[in-house]
């Protein structure tokens, strides 16, 4: 698979990841336990906001791999 195809597939995968991650994060943020505590909200939003990076890293690494000769 050439790099252009990997970048296309990776871009679509990253968009799907971002959309699904944000929808799930919004659903979890509505939980009464999180909604009642300011400190828990701060921690949750930091973790939810930065947490998508970990699953995105392998996708980006795969996308940027050089073509095989």
Protein backbone atom coordinates (compact mmCIF):
# COMPACT_ATOMS: atom_id res chain seq x y z
CA UNK A 1 0.00 0.00 0.00
CA UNK A 2 1.46 3.34 -0.96
CA UNK A 3 1.70 6.36 1.33
CA UNK A 4 -1.12 8.26 -0.39
CA UNK A 5 -3.58 5.45 0.24
CA UNK A 6 -2.44 5.09 3.86
CA UNK A 7 -2.87 8.84 4.40
CA UNK A 8 -6.39 8.74 2.97
CA UNK A 9 -7.40 5.78 5.13
CA UNK A 10 -5.64 7.29 8.17
CA UNK A 11 -7.37 10.64 7.72
CA UNK A 12 -10.77 8.96 7.59
CA UNK A 13 -9.87 6.86 10.66
CA UNK A 14 -8.77 9.98 12.58
CA UNK A 15 -12.00 11.79 11.70
CA UNK A 16 -14.09 8.82 12.83
CA UNK A 17 -12.01 8.56 16.03
CA UNK A 18 -12.49 12.27 16.81
CA UNK A 19 -16.23 12.16 16.19
CA UNK A 20 -16.84 8.99 18.20
CA UNK A 21 -14.50 10.13 21.00
CA UNK A 22 -16.27 13.47 21.35
CA UNK A 23 -19.75 11.96 21.34
CA UNK A 24 -18.81 9.37 23.97
CA UNK A 25 -17.05 12.02 26.06
CA UNK A 26 -20.14 14.25 25.95
CA UNK A 27 -22.38 11.34 26.98
CA UNK A 28 -20.14 10.42 29.92
CA UNK A 29 -19.88 14.08 31.00
CA UNK A 30 -23.62 14.06 31.67
CA UNK A 31 -23.24 11.49 34.44
CA UNK A 32 -24.54 12.88 37.75
CA UNK A 33 -21.29 12.07 39.57
CA UNK A 34 -19.26 14.23 37.19
CA UNK A 35 -21.88 16.96 36.88
CA UNK A 36 -22.00 17.57 40.66
CA UNK A 37 -18.29 18.02 41.36
CA UNK A 38 -16.23 20.89 39.93
CA UNK A 39 -12.92 19.15 40.60
CA UNK A 40 -14.11 15.94 38.98
CA UNK A 41 -15.27 17.96 35.97
CA UNK A 42 -11.85 19.58 35.61
CA UNK A 43 -10.06 16.24 35.79
CA UNK A 44 -12.56 14.59 33.45
CA UNK A 45 -12.35 17.28 30.78
CA UNK A 46 -8.53 17.27 30.86
CA UNK A 47 -8.44 13.48 30.49
CA UNK A 48 -11.20 13.42 27.86
CA UNK A 49 -9.62 16.30 25.95
CA UNK A 50 -6.15 14.77 25.80
CA UNK A 51 -7.14 11.10 25.82
CA UNK A 52 -7.84 10.86 22.11
CA UNK A 53 -4.14 11.40 21.40
CA UNK A 54 -3.15 7.90 22.61
CA UNK A 55 -5.34 5.99 20.13
CA UNK A 56 -4.45 8.49 17.37
CA UNK A 57 -0.69 8.00 17.69
CA UNK A 58 -0.56 4.52 16.10
CA UNK A 59 -2.74 5.74 13.24
CA UNK A 60 -0.44 8.69 12.53
CA UNK A 61 2.63 6.46 12.81
CA UNK A 62 1.12 4.00 10.35
CA UNK A 63 0.18 6.82 7.97
CA UNK A 64 3.68 8.29 7.89
CA UNK A 65 5.53 5.00 7.28
CA UNK A 66 7.62 5.19 4.10
CA UNK A 67 6.70 3.10 1.07
CA UNK A 68 8.38 -0.25 0.64
CA UNK A 69 10.70 -0.50 -2.34
